[in-house]
Amino acid sequence: MTNLRPVTVITGASAGIGTALAREFARHGHDLALVARRGDRLEALADEIAAGGARRPIVIVADLLKPDIARTLGDALTAQGAEPQFLVNNAGFGLVGLVEELDRAEQISMIDLNVRVLTELSLAFVESLARQRGGILNVGSMAGFLPGPGMTVYYATKAYVLSFSEALASELKPRGIRVSVLCPGPVPTEFAARAGIKKDIAPNVITHSAEFVAKQGYAGLMAGTRVIVPGLVNKLVILLLRFIPRGLITAAVDRRQAKRRPARGA
């Protein structure tokens, strides 16, 4: 037994899908703990949520790439009399470009954040998630279903998130913990600018707002859906990928990414 109150911990809550997920969980009555590096944005979001009548979220300003981040977050929550009931691993980033041209350290940092930190946090709070009969929502991408020349490392990290989440769902189900992976298509957020995408993010038919993605993610997690792909067209795309030769898929992604990155030497 514990006297710690249950909270939903959301990483990368300062922008984009993370902010939308925070609002969605708050709308459904969850107490929150918001985690990101940009404290001013977290404080503004916490004020907004509190102004709507919810309990003011715990704000944890932290660099997730720092060593032993799970202990840091756990200690911060305990100090506030809280423990995770739901964990939303939303923090992550991508980079457009050829692996030989992109900064190597940035690419390794991408693996560190998108894969290692997500894994570390997913494993760190199993006991409290089981106590609270909660769950984990890992934010992946439709990219996880594809090879991704032109964003090679990013696509590979999201393939890991997809595989890891599906397997973890099976392992943790006997503990009463639900695990879902949210795999949106393109979402117009700061992600594109951070990734270095120079042109329109994608056709409108597969692009959805962060708010729509958050609603789908929340509903799917609560329903125990393991793989959540927001949008009917996006679901059909994922289904059709099973019947298309991988070589053709790889070539199509390569052509698409070539249009989104600067020319060599530019």
C-alpha atoms as a PDB file:
ATOM      1  CA  MET A   1       0.000   0.000   0.000  1.00  0.00           C
ATOM      2  CA  THR A   2       1.073   3.585  -0.561  1.00  0.00           C
ATOM      3  CA  ASN A   3      -0.160   7.023   0.350  1.00  0.00           C
ATOM      4  CA  LEU A   4       1.255   8.517  -2.840  1.00  0.00           C
ATOM      5  CA  ARG A   5      -1.353  10.003  -5.160  1.00  0.00           C
ATOM      6  CA  PRO A   6      -1.541   8.719  -8.747  1.00  0.00           C
ATOM      7  CA  VAL A   7      -0.443  11.033 -11.550  1.00  0.00           C
ATOM      8  CA  THR A   8       0.028  10.821 -15.303  1.00  0.00           C
ATOM      9  CA  VAL A   9       3.632  11.632 -16.198  1.00  0.00           C
ATOM     10  CA  ILE A  10       4.057  13.174 -19.660  1.00  0.00           C
ATOM     11  CA  THR A  11       7.507  13.759 -21.125  1.00  0.00           C
ATOM     12  CA  GLY A  12       8.049  16.349 -23.818  1.00  0.00           C
ATOM     13  CA  ALA A  13       4.956  18.165 -22.565  1.00  0.00           C
ATOM     14  CA  SER A  14       6.113  21.636 -23.560  1.00  0.00           C
ATOM     15  CA  ALA A  15       4.920  21.505 -27.181  1.00  0.00           C
ATOM     16  CA  GLY A  16       3.060  19.641 -29.894  1.00  0.00           C
ATOM     17  CA  ILE A  17       1.566  16.235 -29.186  1.00  0.00           C
ATOM     18  CA  GLY A  18       2.867  16.334 -25.610  1.00  0.00           C
ATOM     19  CA  THR A  19       0.933  19.494 -24.812  1.00  0.00           C
ATOM     20  CA  ALA A  20      -2.188  18.122 -26.507  1.00  0.00           C
ATOM     21  CA  LEU A  21      -1.920  14.887 -24.516  1.00  0.00           C
ATOM     22  CA  ALA A  22      -1.583  16.851 -21.280  1.00  0.00           C
ATOM     23  CA  ARG A  23      -4.789  18.740 -22.045  1.00  0.00           C
ATOM     24  CA  GLU A  24      -6.577  15.521 -23.003  1.00  0.00           C
ATOM     25  CA  PHE A  25      -5.598  13.647 -19.837  1.00  0.00           C
ATOM     26  CA  ALA A  26      -6.502  16.684 -17.730  1.00  0.00           C
ATOM     27  CA  ARG A  27      -9.877  16.920 -19.467  1.00  0.00           C
ATOM     28  CA  HIS A  28     -10.582  13.378 -18.303  1.00  0.00           C
ATOM     29  CA  GLY A  29      -9.738  14.172 -14.692  1.00  0.00           C
ATOM     30  CA  HIS A  30      -6.159  12.934 -14.408  1.00  0.00           C
ATOM     31  CA  ASP A  31      -3.662  14.687 -12.171  1.00  0.00           C
ATOM     32  CA  LEU A  32      -0.516  15.390 -14.171  1.00  0.00           C
ATOM     33  CA  ALA A  33       3.232  15.679 -13.894  1.00  0.00           C
ATOM     34  CA  LEU A  34       4.681  17.583 -16.852  1.00  0.00           C
ATOM     35  CA  VAL A  35       8.305  16.986 -17.848  1.00  0.00           C
ATOM     36  CA  ALA A  36      10.476  18.913 -20.324  1.00  0.00           C
ATOM     37  CA  ARG A  37      13.461  21.246 -20.464  1.00  0.00           C
ATOM     38  CA  ARG A  38      11.502  24.451 -21.152  1.00  0.00           C
ATOM     39  CA  GLY A  39      10.203  25.395 -17.738  1.00  0.00           C
ATOM     40  CA  ASP A  40       8.431  28.556 -18.890  1.00  0.00           C
ATOM     41  CA  ARG A  41       6.235  26.580 -21.251  1.00  0.00           C
ATOM     42  CA  LEU A  42       5.492  23.934 -18.637  1.00  0.00           C
ATOM     43  CA  GLU A  43       4.486  26.585 -16.099  1.00  0.00           C
ATOM     44  CA  ALA A  44       2.197  28.268 -18.641  1.00  0.00           C
ATOM     45  CA  LEU A  45       0.560  24.924 -19.466  1.00  0.00           C
ATOM     46  CA  ALA A  46       0.170  24.101 -15.779  1.00  0.00           C
ATOM     47  CA  ASP A  47      -1.485  27.478 -15.188  1.00  0.00           C
ATOM     48  CA  GLU A  48      -3.827  26.893 -18.130  1.00  0.00           C
ATOM     49  CA  ILE A  49      -4.879  23.461 -16.851  1.00  0.00           C
ATOM     50  CA  ALA A  50      -5.387  24.777 -13.320  1.00  0.00           C
ATOM     51  CA  ALA A  51      -7.457  27.677 -14.657  1.00  0.00           C
ATOM     52  CA  GLY A  52      -9.783  25.105 -16.193  1.00  0.00           C
ATOM     53  CA  GLY A  53     -10.613  23.733 -12.754  1.00  0.00           C
ATOM     54  CA  ALA A  54      -8.185  20.821 -12.587  1.00  0.00           C
ATOM     55  CA  ARG A  55      -5.510  20.337  -9.958  1.00  0.00           C
ATOM     56  CA  ARG A  56      -2.372  22.211 -10.997  1.00  0.00           C
ATOM     57  CA  PRO A  57       0.100  19.777 -12.560  1.00  0.00           C
ATOM     58  CA  ILE A  58       3.464  19.037 -11.032  1.00  0.00           C
ATOM     59  CA  VAL A  59       6.138  20.713 -13.150  1.00  0.00           C
ATOM     60  CA  ILE A  60       9.478  18.923 -13.487  1.00  0.00           C
ATOM     61  CA  VAL A  61      12.084  20.795 -15.502  1.00  0.00           C
ATOM     62  CA  ALA A  62      14.617  18.195 -16.592  1.00  0.00           C
ATOM     63  CA  ASP A  63      16.923  17.196 -19.415  1.00  0.00           C
ATOM     64  CA  LEU A  64      15.921  13.607 -20.119  1.00  0.00           C
ATOM     65  CA  LEU A  65      19.361  12.838 -21.544  1.00  0.00           C
ATOM     66  CA  LYS A  66      21.001  13.317 -18.150  1.00  0.00           C
ATOM     67  CA  PRO A  67      22.246  10.126 -16.463  1.00  0.00           C
ATOM     68  CA  ASP A  68      19.862   8.241 -14.159  1.00  0.00           C
ATOM     69  CA  ILE A  69      16.873  10.273 -15.296  1.00  0.00           C
ATOM     70  CA  ALA A  70      14.372   7.709 -13.992  1.00  0.00           C
ATOM     71  CA  ARG A  71      15.659   8.168 -10.452  1.00  0.00           C
ATOM     72  CA  THR A  72      15.570  11.953 -10.862  1.00  0.00           C
ATOM     73  CA  LEU A  73      11.930  11.885 -11.953  1.00  0.00           C
ATOM     74  CA  GLY A  74      10.992   9.332  -9.305  1.00  0.00           C
ATOM     75  CA  ASP A  75      12.545  11.418  -6.538  1.00  0.00           C
ATOM     76  CA  ALA A  76      10.826  14.575  -7.810  1.00  0.00           C
ATOM     77  CA  LEU A  77       7.448  12.832  -7.803  1.00  0.00           C
ATOM     78  CA  THR A  78       7.952  11.334  -4.339  1.00  0.00           C
ATOM     79  CA  ALA A  79       8.852  14.764  -2.998  1.00  0.00           C
ATOM     80  CA  GLN A  80       5.447  15.933  -4.260  1.00  0.00           C
ATOM     81  CA  GLY A  81       3.659  12.957  -2.689  1.00  0.00           C
ATOM     82  CA  ALA A  82       2.959  11.355  -6.074  1.00  0.00           C
ATOM     83  CA  GLU A  83       3.764   8.280  -8.145  1.00  0.00           C
ATOM     84  CA  PRO A  84       3.028   7.350 -11.767  1.00  0.00           C
ATOM     85  CA  GLN A  85      -0.273   5.752 -12.658  1.00  0.00           C
ATOM     86  CA  PHE A  86       0.163   6.437 -16.347  1.00  0.00           C
ATOM     87  CA  LEU A  87       3.415   7.164 -18.150  1.00  0.00           C
ATOM     88  CA  VAL A  88       3.381   8.934 -21.513  1.00  0.00           C
ATOM     89  CA  ASN A  89       6.732   8.684 -23.280  1.00  0.00           C
ATOM     90  CA  ASN A  90       6.283  11.472 -25.787  1.00  0.00           C
ATOM     91  CA  ALA A  91       9.716  13.146 -25.841  1.00  0.00           C
ATOM     92  CA  GLY A  92      11.696  12.554 -29.013  1.00  0.00           C
ATOM     93  CA  PHE A  93      12.994  14.153 -32.193  1.00  0.00           C
ATOM     94  CA  GLY A  94      13.998  13.370 -35.767  1.00  0.00           C
ATOM     95  CA  LEU A  95      16.486  14.631 -38.336  1.00  0.00           C
ATOM     96  CA  VAL A  96      16.150  14.777 -42.124  1.00  0.00           C
ATOM     97  CA  GLY A  97      19.288  14.093 -44.105  1.00  0.00           C
ATOM     98  CA  LEU A  98      21.779  11.444 -45.132  1.00  0.00           C
ATOM     99  CA  VAL A  99      23.483   9.644 -42.254  1.00  0.00           C
ATOM    100  CA  GLU A 100      26.931  10.476 -43.645  1.00  0.00           C
ATOM    101  CA  GLU A 101      26.107  14.203 -43.674  1.00  0.00           C
ATOM    102  CA  LEU A 102      24.161  14.643 -40.444  1.00  0.00           C
ATOM    103  CA  ASP A 103      25.988  15.366 -37.225  1.00  0.00           C
ATOM    104  CA  ARG A 104      26.950  12.019 -35.711  1.00  0.00           C
ATOM    105  CA  ALA A 105      26.538  13.170 -32.102  1.00  0.00           C
ATOM    106  CA  GLU A 106      23.018  14.437 -32.840  1.00  0.00           C
ATOM    107  CA  GLN A 107      22.081  11.107 -34.379  1.00  0.00           C
ATOM    108  CA  ILE A 108      23.356   9.239 -31.322  1.00  0.00           C
ATOM    109  CA  SER A 109      21.420  11.650 -29.089  1.00  0.00           C
ATOM    110  CA  MET A 110      18.318  10.829 -31.107  1.00  0.00           C
ATOM    111  CA  ILE A 111      18.792   7.132 -30.352  1.00  0.00           C
ATOM    112  CA  ASP A 112      19.448   8.000 -26.726  1.00  0.00           C
ATOM    113  CA  LEU A 113      16.218   9.959 -26.315  1.00  0.00           C
ATOM    114  CA  ASN A 114      13.885   8.055 -28.634  1.00  0.00           C
ATOM    115  CA  VAL A 115      15.029   4.605 -27.504  1.00  0.00           C
ATOM    116  CA  ARG A 116      17.109   4.477 -24.324  1.00  0.00           C
ATOM    117  CA  VAL A 117      15.194   7.052 -22.282  1.00  0.00           C
ATOM    118  CA  LEU A 118      11.821   5.660 -23.374  1.00  0.00           C
ATOM    119  CA  THR A 119      12.959   2.176 -22.375  1.00  0.00           C
ATOM    120  CA  GLU A 120      14.465   3.307 -19.068  1.00  0.00           C
ATOM    121  CA  LEU A 121      11.305   5.107 -17.994  1.00  0.00           C
ATOM    122  CA  SER A 122       9.017   2.309 -19.186  1.00  0.00           C
ATOM    123  CA  LEU A 123      10.873  -0.184 -16.985  1.00  0.00           C
ATOM    124  CA  ALA A 124      11.499   2.082 -14.006  1.00  0.00           C
ATOM    125  CA  PHE A 125       7.922   2.562 -12.836  1.00  0.00           C
ATOM    126  CA  VAL A 126       6.409  -0.893 -13.336  1.00  0.00           C
ATOM    127  CA  GLU A 127       5.645  -1.343  -9.621  1.00  0.00           C
ATOM    128  CA  SER A 128       3.725   1.907  -9.260  1.00  0.00           C
ATOM    129  CA  LEU A 129       1.902   1.361 -12.569  1.00  0.00           C
ATOM    130  CA  ALA A 130       0.823  -2.067 -11.326  1.00  0.00           C
ATOM    131  CA  ARG A 131      -0.270  -0.679  -7.951  1.00  0.00           C
ATOM    132  CA  GLN A 132      -2.320   1.997  -9.646  1.00  0.00           C
ATOM    133  CA  ARG A 133      -3.695  -0.300 -12.382  1.00  0.00           C
ATOM    134  CA  GLY A 134      -2.438   2.157 -14.968  1.00  0.00           C
ATOM    135  CA  GLY A 135      -0.417   1.969 -18.126  1.00  0.00           C
ATOM    136  CA  ILE A 136       2.135   3.282 -20.603  1.00  0.00           C
ATOM    137  CA  LEU A 137       1.535   5.244 -23.788  1.00  0.00           C
ATOM    138  CA  ASN A 138       4.634   5.317 -25.988  1.00  0.00           C
ATOM    139  CA  VAL A 139       4.516   7.822 -28.825  1.00  0.00           C
ATOM    140  CA  GLY A 140       5.841   6.170 -31.948  1.00  0.00           C
ATOM    141  CA  SER A 141       5.110   6.993 -35.570  1.00  0.00           C
ATOM    142  CA  MET A 142       3.871   5.513 -38.818  1.00  0.00           C
ATOM    143  CA  ALA A 143       7.578   5.676 -39.645  1.00  0.00           C
ATOM    144  CA  GLY A 144       8.018   2.649 -37.400  1.00  0.00           C
ATOM    145  CA  PHE A 145       6.394   0.460 -40.062  1.00  0.00           C
ATOM    146  CA  LEU A 146       8.820   1.563 -42.803  1.00  0.00           C
ATOM    147  CA  PRO A 147      12.493   1.675 -43.743  1.00  0.00           C
ATOM    148  CA  GLY A 148      13.430   5.341 -43.911  1.00  0.00           C
ATOM    149  CA  PRO A 149      16.312   6.414 -46.136  1.00  0.00           C
ATOM    150  CA  GLY A 150      16.707  10.144 -45.686  1.00  0.00           C
ATOM    151  CA  MET A 151      15.653   9.825 -42.029  1.00  0.00           C
ATOM    152  CA  THR A 152      17.341   6.490 -41.433  1.00  0.00           C
ATOM    153  CA  VAL A 153      18.043   6.700 -37.723  1.00  0.00           C
ATOM    154  CA  TYR A 154      14.693   8.281 -36.850  1.00  0.00           C
ATOM    155  CA  TYR A 155      12.691   5.599 -38.656  1.00  0.00           C
ATOM    156  CA  ALA A 156      14.786   2.919 -36.977  1.00  0.00           C
ATOM    157  CA  THR A 157      14.129   4.357 -33.519  1.00  0.00           C
ATOM    158  CA  LYS A 158      10.405   4.326 -34.151  1.00  0.00           C
ATOM    159  CA  ALA A 159      10.571   0.715 -35.361  1.00  0.00           C
ATOM    160  CA  TYR A 160      12.107  -0.090 -31.985  1.00  0.00           C
ATOM    161  CA  VAL A 161       9.355   1.775 -30.128  1.00  0.00           C
ATOM    162  CA  LEU A 162       6.699  -0.183 -32.023  1.00  0.00           C
ATOM    163  CA  SER A 163       8.278  -3.588 -31.408  1.00  0.00           C
ATOM    164  CA  PHE A 164       9.187  -2.843 -27.792  1.00  0.00           C
ATOM    165  CA  SER A 165       5.716  -1.568 -26.935  1.00  0.00           C
ATOM    166  CA  GLU A 166       3.869  -4.496 -28.471  1.00  0.00           C
ATOM    167  CA  ALA A 167       6.037  -7.014 -26.635  1.00  0.00           C
ATOM    168  CA  LEU A 168       5.923  -5.073 -23.383  1.00  0.00           C
ATOM    169  CA  ALA A 169       2.121  -5.049 -23.563  1.00  0.00           C
ATOM    170  CA  SER A 170       2.138  -8.855 -23.505  1.00  0.00           C
ATOM    171  CA  GLU A 171       4.623  -9.053 -20.644  1.00  0.00           C
ATOM    172  CA  LEU A 172       2.898  -6.516 -18.418  1.00  0.00           C
ATOM    173  CA  LYS A 173      -0.697  -7.546 -19.076  1.00  0.00           C
ATOM    174  CA  PRO A 174      -0.661 -10.072 -16.193  1.00  0.00           C
ATOM    175  CA  ARG A 175       0.304  -7.196 -13.858  1.00  0.00           C
ATOM    176  CA  GLY A 176      -2.789  -5.248 -14.900  1.00  0.00           C
ATOM    177  CA  ILE A 177      -0.719  -2.701 -16.844  1.00  0.00           C
ATOM    178  CA  ARG A 178      -1.903  -1.699 -20.303  1.00  0.00           C
ATOM    179  CA  VAL A 179       0.702  -0.630 -22.869  1.00  0.00           C
ATOM    180  CA  SER A 180      -0.130   1.168 -26.105  1.00  0.00           C
ATOM    181  CA  VAL A 181       1.978   2.663 -28.866  1.00  0.00           C
ATOM    182  CA  LEU A 182       0.597   5.727 -30.635  1.00  0.00           C
ATOM    183  CA  CYS A 183       1.665   5.819 -34.300  1.00  0.00           C
ATOM    184  CA  PRO A 184       0.494   9.060 -35.912  1.00  0.00           C
ATOM    185  CA  GLY A 185       1.257  10.161 -39.409  1.00  0.00           C
ATOM    186  CA  PRO A 186       2.495  13.699 -40.031  1.00  0.00           C
ATOM    187  CA  VAL A 187       1.445  16.255 -37.400  1.00  0.00           C
ATOM    188  CA  PRO A 188       2.089  19.993 -37.928  1.00  0.00           C
ATOM    189  CA  THR A 189       4.134  20.784 -34.822  1.00  0.00           C
ATOM    190  CA  GLU A 190       7.629  22.045 -33.990  1.00  0.00           C
ATOM    191  CA  PHE A 191       8.899  18.559 -34.836  1.00  0.00           C
ATOM    192  CA  ALA A 192       9.227  19.406 -38.541  1.00  0.00           C
ATOM    193  CA  ALA A 193      11.353  22.477 -37.910  1.00  0.00           C
ATOM    194  CA  ARG A 194      13.586  20.560 -35.474  1.00  0.00           C
ATOM    195  CA  ALA A 195      13.944  17.744 -37.998  1.00  0.00           C
ATOM    196  CA  GLY A 196      15.034  20.114 -40.767  1.00  0.00           C
ATOM    197  CA  ILE A 197      12.062  19.419 -43.039  1.00  0.00           C
ATOM    198  CA  LYS A 198      12.066  22.152 -45.670  1.00  0.00           C
ATOM    199  CA  LYS A 199       8.783  21.530 -47.515  1.00  0.00           C
ATOM    200  CA  ASP A 200       5.174  20.850 -46.619  1.00  0.00           C
ATOM    201  CA  ILE A 201       5.126  18.034 -44.123  1.00  0.00           C
ATOM    202  CA  ALA A 202       2.851  15.642 -46.077  1.00  0.00           C
ATOM    203  CA  PRO A 203      -0.408  15.386 -48.032  1.00  0.00           C
ATOM    204  CA  ASN A 204      -3.395  16.697 -46.071  1.00  0.00           C
ATOM    205  CA  VAL A 205      -5.184  13.365 -46.291  1.00  0.00           C
ATOM    206  CA  ILE A 206      -2.715  11.720 -43.884  1.00  0.00           C
ATOM    207  CA  THR A 207      -1.939  14.789 -41.765  1.00  0.00           C
ATOM    208  CA  HIS A 208      -3.788  15.267 -38.468  1.00  0.00           C
ATOM    209  CA  SER A 209      -3.710  17.864 -35.715  1.00  0.00           C
ATOM    210  CA  ALA A 210      -1.975  17.213 -32.416  1.00  0.00           C
ATOM    211  CA  GLU A 211      -5.368  17.487 -30.714  1.00  0.00           C
ATOM    212  CA  PHE A 212      -6.878  14.746 -32.896  1.00  0.00           C
ATOM    213  CA  VAL A 213      -3.867  12.498 -32.312  1.00  0.00           C
ATOM    214  CA  ALA A 214      -4.062  13.084 -28.550  1.00  0.00           C
ATOM    215  CA  LYS A 215      -7.750  12.176 -28.418  1.00  0.00           C
ATOM    216  CA  GLN A 216      -7.110   8.988 -30.367  1.00  0.00           C
ATOM    217  CA  GLY A 217      -4.135   8.140 -28.177  1.00  0.00           C
ATOM    218  CA  TYR A 218      -6.025   8.615 -24.939  1.00  0.00           C
ATOM    219  CA  ALA A 219      -9.056   6.633 -26.104  1.00  0.00           C
ATOM    220  CA  GLY A 220      -6.876   3.820 -27.398  1.00  0.00           C
ATOM    221  CA  LEU A 221      -4.866   3.550 -24.206  1.00  0.00           C
ATOM    222  CA  MET A 222      -7.978   3.426 -22.058  1.00  0.00           C
ATOM    223  CA  ALA A 223      -9.473   0.782 -24.342  1.00  0.00           C
ATOM    224  CA  GLY A 224      -6.322  -1.324 -24.153  1.00  0.00           C
ATOM    225  CA  THR A 225      -5.513  -0.979 -27.858  1.00  0.00           C
ATOM    226  CA  ARG A 226      -1.903  -1.983 -28.396  1.00  0.00           C
ATOM    227  CA  VAL A 227      -1.201  -0.165 -31.667  1.00  0.00           C
ATOM    228  CA  ILE A 228      -3.053   3.112 -32.238  1.00  0.00           C
ATOM    229  CA  VAL A 229      -2.919   4.617 -35.741  1.00  0.00           C
ATOM    230  CA  PRO A 230      -5.023   7.806 -35.829  1.00  0.00           C
ATOM    231  CA  GLY A 231      -7.051   8.387 -38.987  1.00  0.00           C
ATOM    232  CA  LEU A 232      -8.830   5.978 -41.332  1.00  0.00           C
ATOM    233  CA  VAL A 233      -6.571   6.675 -44.320  1.00  0.00           C
ATOM    234  CA  ASN A 234      -3.485   6.141 -42.174  1.00  0.00           C
ATOM    235  CA  LYS A 235      -4.846   2.789 -40.989  1.00  0.00           C
ATOM    236  CA  LEU A 236      -5.416   1.764 -44.614  1.00  0.00           C
ATOM    237  CA  VAL A 237      -1.880   2.803 -45.550  1.00  0.00           C
ATOM    238  CA  ILE A 238      -0.425   0.615 -42.805  1.00  0.00           C
ATOM    239  CA  LEU A 239      -2.594  -2.287 -43.956  1.00  0.00           C
ATOM    240  CA  LEU A 240      -1.524  -1.887 -47.590  1.00  0.00           C
ATOM    241  CA  LEU A 241       2.165  -1.779 -46.661  1.00  0.00           C
ATOM    242  CA  ARG A 242       1.969  -5.481 -45.823  1.00  0.00           C
ATOM    243  CA  PHE A 243       1.368  -6.287 -49.495  1.00  0.00           C
ATOM    244  CA  ILE A 244       3.965  -4.008 -51.116  1.00  0.00           C
ATOM    245  CA  PRO A 245       7.543  -5.255 -51.656  1.00  0.00           C
ATOM    246  CA  ARG A 246       9.962  -3.638 -49.214  1.00  0.00           C
ATOM    247  CA  GLY A 247      12.227  -2.524 -52.023  1.00  0.00           C
ATOM    248  CA  LEU A 248       9.456  -0.442 -53.554  1.00  0.00           C
ATOM    249  CA  ILE A 249       8.579   1.067 -50.165  1.00  0.00           C
ATOM    250  CA  THR A 250      12.207   1.977 -49.509  1.00  0.00           C
ATOM    251  CA  ALA A 251      12.565   3.629 -52.918  1.00  0.00           C
ATOM    252  CA  ALA A 252       9.342   5.614 -52.426  1.00  0.00           C
ATOM    253  CA  VAL A 253      10.443   6.888 -49.006  1.00  0.00           C
ATOM    254  CA  ASP A 254      13.856   7.798 -50.422  1.00  0.00           C
ATOM    255  CA  ARG A 255      12.275   9.893 -53.195  1.00  0.00           C
ATOM    256  CA  ARG A 256       9.987  11.628 -50.717  1.00  0.00           C
ATOM    257  CA  GLN A 257      12.766  12.501 -48.288  1.00  0.00           C
ATOM    258  CA  ALA A 258      15.018  13.745 -51.099  1.00  0.00           C
ATOM    259  CA  LYS A 259      12.470  16.497 -51.764  1.00  0.00           C
ATOM    260  CA  ARG A 260      12.472  17.578 -48.119  1.00  0.00           C
ATOM    261  CA  ARG A 261      16.181  18.056 -47.552  1.00  0.00           C
ATOM    262  CA  PRO A 262      18.697  20.581 -48.892  1.00  0.00           C
ATOM    263  CA  ALA A 263      20.694  19.565 -51.943  1.00  0.00           C
ATOM    264  CA  ARG A 264      24.232  18.317 -51.349  1.00  0.00           C
ATOM    265  CA  GLY A 265      26.572  21.221 -50.802  1.00  0.00           C
ATOM    266  CA  ALA A 266      23.726  23.667 -50.223  1.00  0.00           C
END
